[in-house]
Amino acid sequence: MPERKWKNWVNNNMRLILEAKNINIKKRGREILSVEHFGLREGEIVAVIGPNGAGKSTLLQVLALLQQPATGQVLFHGQVAGKNNALEYRRRMAVVFQEALLLNTTVFNNVAQGLKLRGADKKLISGRVGLWLERLGVSHLAGRMPSFLSGGEAQRVNIARAMALEPEVLFLDEPFTALDYPTRISLLKEMGGILKESRTTVFFVTHDYNEIPYLTDDTVVMAGGGVRHRGSASQLFAGGFEEVFKSYYQSSY
């Protein structure tokens, strides 16, 4: 089977893990998110790009069950997320924000915190925390306090904390933006390998299209609160991206 047809067959036959249907959010009378349908399949890594105010982070918060839309539904494994099950579903996901937001305790305890909240036993916590501190290259910092970490180190700890949960869906909300260029590229390269190896399902928000190829080729373009395009990043960047940019981002010029 040709490679393109094989990829299409795989994508079409992977189960939907998250769906958003007829989502609408308004603030102060202005529509900030309007998504008729968006689906994320198991094992997919999807990058979401768009100008400020496009609705990228709002869609992430809705899918991660951190924000309730005015209308519409979010489905997790085909089940509608609501008041009775939202907490259970959220505990099967993890979010990495732009700021590390570490607690005032050791690196080890920061990475262990989510597992403790989920009632994991000490042996599992010790093993998971040790594994992901090692994978992210910060095991030597296990006893250090956050105030003594560089920006890159803090973000590695932040990612280790999320990955230690072994989430079914990982949300990345511009986590590389605040890092200096060498640190950002180094971490992007490492994350690309880690995510593909772990087959983690990922929703990755960025405003810098140069970051996308390190993690995925599957790209969503958002503008004006809606999903305007979904396709191959390599095709967009090779020739069509500029036209997409002009078509969908004119309001931000």
Protein backbone atom coordinates (compact mmCIF):
# COMPACT_ATOMS: atom_id res chain seq x y z
CA MET A 1 0.00 0.00 0.00
CA PRO A 2 1.45 3.46 -0.93
CA GLU A 3 2.62 5.51 2.08
CA ARG A 4 -0.01 8.25 1.71
CA LYS A 5 -2.88 5.74 1.44
CA TRP A 6 -1.48 3.82 4.42
CA LYS A 7 -1.37 6.99 6.54
CA ASN A 8 -4.94 7.87 5.53
CA TRP A 9 -6.10 4.33 6.38
CA VAL A 10 -4.42 4.51 9.79
CA ASN A 11 -5.89 7.96 10.55
CA ASN A 12 -9.39 6.91 9.53
CA ASN A 13 -9.28 3.73 11.61
CA MET A 14 -7.88 5.17 14.83
CA ARG A 15 -10.59 5.69 17.43
CA LEU A 16 -11.72 9.19 18.28
CA ILE A 17 -10.60 9.96 21.81
CA LEU A 18 -11.95 13.54 21.95
CA GLU A 19 -14.70 15.30 20.03
CA ALA A 20 -16.09 18.80 20.20
CA LYS A 21 -19.53 19.35 18.69
CA ASN A 22 -21.28 22.68 18.08
CA ILE A 23 -19.10 24.52 20.60
CA ASN A 24 -19.83 28.20 21.14
CA ILE A 25 -18.39 30.65 23.66
CA LYS A 26 -19.12 34.36 23.90
CA LYS A 27 -17.55 36.98 26.12
CA ARG A 28 -19.03 40.45 26.54
CA GLY A 29 -21.29 39.78 23.57
CA ARG A 30 -18.40 38.80 21.28
CA GLU A 31 -18.08 35.30 19.91
CA ILE A 32 -14.61 34.01 20.78
CA LEU A 33 -15.07 30.36 19.83
CA SER A 34 -17.37 28.69 17.33
CA VAL A 35 -16.46 25.13 16.36
CA GLU A 36 -19.00 22.92 14.62
CA HIS A 37 -16.87 19.80 14.91
CA PHE A 38 -13.34 18.90 15.91
CA GLY A 39 -11.99 15.41 16.48
CA LEU A 40 -8.76 14.08 17.95
CA ARG A 41 -7.90 10.43 17.37
CA GLU A 42 -5.85 8.14 19.60
CA GLY A 43 -2.14 8.58 18.96
CA GLU A 44 -2.51 11.77 16.91
CA ILE A 45 -0.28 14.77 17.52
CA VAL A 46 -2.11 17.85 16.26
CA ALA A 47 -0.56 21.32 16.14
CA VAL A 48 -2.90 24.31 16.34
CA ILE A 49 -1.70 27.65 15.02
CA GLY A 50 -3.31 31.05 14.63
CA PRO A 51 -2.98 34.73 15.54
CA ASN A 52 -3.68 36.13 19.00
CA GLY A 53 -7.39 35.89 19.72
CA ALA A 54 -7.94 33.06 17.21
CA GLY A 55 -9.41 30.81 19.90
CA LYS A 56 -6.53 28.32 20.17
CA SER A 57 -6.16 28.30 23.95
CA THR A 58 -9.92 28.55 24.46
CA LEU A 59 -10.47 25.42 22.38
CA LEU A 60 -7.72 23.70 24.38
CA GLN A 61 -9.43 24.61 27.65
CA VAL A 62 -12.77 23.33 26.37
CA LEU A 63 -11.30 20.02 25.18
CA ALA A 64 -9.37 19.64 28.45
CA LEU A 65 -12.66 20.19 30.34
CA LEU A 66 -11.28 23.29 32.04
CA GLN A 67 -13.90 25.62 30.53
CA GLN A 68 -17.60 24.98 29.99
CA PRO A 69 -18.93 26.20 26.62
CA ALA A 70 -22.21 28.11 26.42
CA THR A 71 -23.50 25.52 23.96
CA GLY A 72 -22.24 22.24 22.56
CA GLN A 73 -20.72 19.02 23.81
CA VAL A 74 -17.30 17.50 24.45
CA LEU A 75 -17.11 13.72 24.14
CA PHE A 76 -14.34 11.61 25.67
CA HIS A 77 -14.17 8.11 24.20
CA GLY A 78 -17.67 8.71 22.84
CA GLN A 79 -19.14 9.67 26.22
CA VAL A 80 -20.52 13.17 26.79
CA ALA A 81 -18.50 14.99 29.44
CA GLY A 82 -20.65 16.60 32.11
CA LYS A 83 -20.80 17.45 35.80
CA ASN A 84 -20.93 13.81 36.86
CA ASN A 85 -17.82 12.63 35.00
CA ALA A 86 -15.73 15.70 34.11
CA LEU A 87 -13.32 15.28 37.04
CA GLU A 88 -12.80 11.60 36.24
CA TYR A 89 -12.04 12.45 32.59
CA ARG A 90 -9.77 15.38 33.49
CA ARG A 91 -7.65 13.03 35.58
CA ARG A 92 -6.96 11.04 32.41
CA MET A 93 -5.52 14.13 30.74
CA ALA A 94 -2.66 16.53 31.46
CA VAL A 95 -1.98 20.14 30.53
CA VAL A 96 1.37 21.90 30.16
CA PHE A 97 1.02 25.68 30.14
CA GLN A 98 3.47 28.34 28.96
CA GLU A 99 4.47 29.06 32.57
CA ALA A 100 5.73 26.13 34.62
CA LEU A 101 3.65 27.09 37.73
CA LEU A 102 5.71 24.89 40.04
CA LEU A 103 4.84 24.48 43.72
CA ASN A 104 7.17 25.72 46.44
CA THR A 105 8.62 22.28 47.11
CA THR A 106 11.30 20.07 45.59
CA VAL A 107 11.42 19.08 41.94
CA PHE A 108 10.65 15.47 42.95
CA ASN A 109 7.55 16.51 44.89
CA ASN A 110 6.37 18.74 42.04
CA VAL A 111 6.47 15.85 39.58
CA ALA A 112 4.86 13.53 42.14
CA GLN A 113 1.99 15.90 42.99
CA GLY A 114 -0.46 14.80 40.29
CA LEU A 115 0.10 11.14 41.06
CA LYS A 116 -0.48 11.76 44.77
CA LEU A 117 -3.76 13.54 44.00
CA ARG A 118 -4.81 10.48 41.98
CA GLY A 119 -4.11 8.18 44.92
CA ALA A 120 -1.11 6.36 43.43
CA ASP A 121 0.97 4.25 45.82
CA LYS A 122 4.48 5.28 46.86
CA LYS A 123 6.23 2.63 44.76
CA LEU A 124 4.47 3.70 41.57
CA ILE A 125 5.11 7.38 42.35
CA SER A 126 8.81 6.79 42.95
CA GLY A 127 9.19 4.81 39.74
CA ARG A 128 7.24 7.20 37.51
CA VAL A 129 8.88 10.34 38.91
CA GLY A 130 12.35 8.85 38.56
CA LEU A 131 11.63 7.68 35.01
CA TRP A 132 10.40 11.04 33.74
CA LEU A 133 12.99 13.13 35.52
CA GLU A 134 15.56 10.93 33.77
CA ARG A 135 13.80 11.12 30.38
CA LEU A 136 13.66 14.92 30.57
CA GLY A 137 17.28 15.18 31.71
CA VAL A 138 16.63 16.69 35.13
CA SER A 139 17.07 13.73 37.51
CA HIS A 140 20.05 15.52 39.08
CA LEU A 141 17.68 18.31 40.13
CA ALA A 142 15.25 16.09 42.07
CA GLY A 143 16.04 17.72 45.44
CA ARG A 144 16.24 21.30 44.17
CA MET A 145 13.65 24.02 44.81
CA PRO A 146 11.97 25.77 41.83
CA SER A 147 13.55 29.15 42.67
CA PHE A 148 16.95 27.69 41.78
CA LEU A 149 15.89 26.40 38.34
CA SER A 150 16.50 28.08 34.99
CA GLY A 151 13.53 28.65 32.68
CA GLY A 152 14.42 25.60 30.60
CA GLU A 153 14.87 23.40 33.67
CA ALA A 154 11.55 24.53 35.11
CA GLN A 155 9.75 23.71 31.88
CA ARG A 156 11.37 20.27 31.73
CA VAL A 157 10.09 19.63 35.26
CA ASN A 158 6.66 20.90 34.19
CA ILE A 159 6.59 18.45 31.26
CA ALA A 160 7.89 15.59 33.45
CA ARG A 161 5.02 16.28 35.87
CA ALA A 162 2.51 15.90 33.04
CA MET A 163 4.13 12.84 31.46
CA ALA A 164 4.41 11.04 34.81
CA LEU A 165 0.61 10.85 34.79
CA GLU A 166 0.77 8.83 31.55
CA PRO A 167 -2.16 10.88 30.24
CA GLU A 168 -4.44 9.62 27.51
CA VAL A 169 -4.36 13.16 26.09
CA LEU A 170 -1.58 15.71 26.59
CA PHE A 171 -2.35 19.39 26.02
CA LEU A 172 0.57 21.70 25.30
CA ASP A 173 -0.33 25.40 25.48
CA GLU A 174 2.69 27.22 23.99
CA PRO A 175 5.11 25.63 26.48
CA PHE A 176 8.24 26.52 24.49
CA THR A 177 7.47 30.20 23.83
CA ALA A 178 9.29 31.75 26.79
CA LEU A 179 12.49 29.74 26.33
CA ASP A 180 15.66 31.04 24.68
CA TYR A 181 16.27 29.71 21.17
CA PRO A 182 18.89 27.00 21.91
CA THR A 183 16.88 25.67 24.87
CA ARG A 184 13.65 25.73 22.86
CA ILE A 185 15.10 23.77 19.92
CA SER A 186 16.78 21.25 22.19
CA LEU A 187 13.55 20.60 24.11
CA LEU A 188 11.46 20.43 20.94
CA LYS A 189 13.76 17.78 19.47
CA GLU A 190 13.61 15.73 22.66
CA MET A 191 9.83 16.05 22.93
CA GLY A 192 9.37 14.96 19.33
CA GLY A 193 11.12 11.69 20.10
CA ILE A 194 9.40 11.17 23.45
CA LEU A 195 5.89 11.76 22.11
CA LYS A 196 6.31 9.50 19.11
CA GLU A 197 7.85 6.75 21.23
CA SER A 198 5.13 6.96 23.88
CA ARG A 199 2.36 7.30 21.23
CA THR A 200 0.76 9.97 23.37
CA THR A 201 -2.25 11.79 21.91
CA VAL A 202 -1.32 15.48 21.82
CA PHE A 203 -3.09 18.80 21.22
CA PHE A 204 -0.28 21.32 20.74
CA VAL A 205 -1.00 25.07 20.62
CA THR A 206 1.64 27.39 19.20
CA HIS A 207 1.91 30.74 17.44
CA ASP A 208 5.25 29.84 15.86
CA TYR A 209 4.91 27.54 12.84
CA ASN A 210 8.65 26.80 13.01
CA GLU A 211 7.98 24.67 16.10
CA ILE A 212 5.47 22.39 14.40
CA PRO A 213 7.75 20.11 12.31
CA TYR A 214 9.62 18.99 15.44
CA LEU A 215 6.46 17.37 16.82
CA THR A 216 4.06 16.66 13.96
CA ASP A 217 2.89 17.30 10.39
CA ASP A 218 -0.83 17.47 11.25
CA THR A 219 -1.77 21.14 11.54
CA VAL A 220 -4.96 23.03 12.34
CA VAL A 221 -5.25 26.71 11.41
CA MET A 222 -7.58 28.79 13.58
CA ALA A 223 -8.77 32.36 13.09
CA GLY A 224 -11.73 34.36 14.32
CA GLY A 225 -12.68 31.70 16.85
CA GLY A 226 -13.06 28.90 14.31
CA VAL A 227 -11.16 26.05 12.70
CA ARG A 228 -10.36 27.26 9.16
CA HIS A 229 -8.05 24.59 7.83
CA ARG A 230 -6.61 21.21 8.74
CA GLY A 231 -3.90 19.47 6.78
CA SER A 232 -0.23 18.78 6.32
CA ALA A 233 2.17 21.33 7.78
CA SER A 234 4.79 20.45 5.18
CA GLN A 235 2.35 21.28 2.38
CA LEU A 236 1.32 24.52 4.04
CA PHE A 237 4.91 25.61 4.53
CA ALA A 238 6.07 24.41 1.11
CA GLY A 239 3.76 26.64 -0.87
CA GLY A 240 0.26 26.98 0.47
CA PHE A 241 0.94 28.42 3.90
CA GLU A 242 1.27 32.00 2.72
CA GLU A 243 -2.10 31.82 0.98
CA VAL A 244 -3.65 30.26 4.06
CA PHE A 245 -2.07 32.99 6.16
CA LYS A 246 -3.46 35.74 3.93
CA SER A 247 -6.90 34.16 3.74
CA TYR A 248 -7.43 33.52 7.41
CA TYR A 249 -5.25 36.07 9.19
CA GLN A 250 -6.15 39.24 7.30
CA SER A 251 -7.95 40.64 10.33
CA SER A 252 -4.69 40.50 12.30
CA TYR A 253 -2.61 42.43 9.76
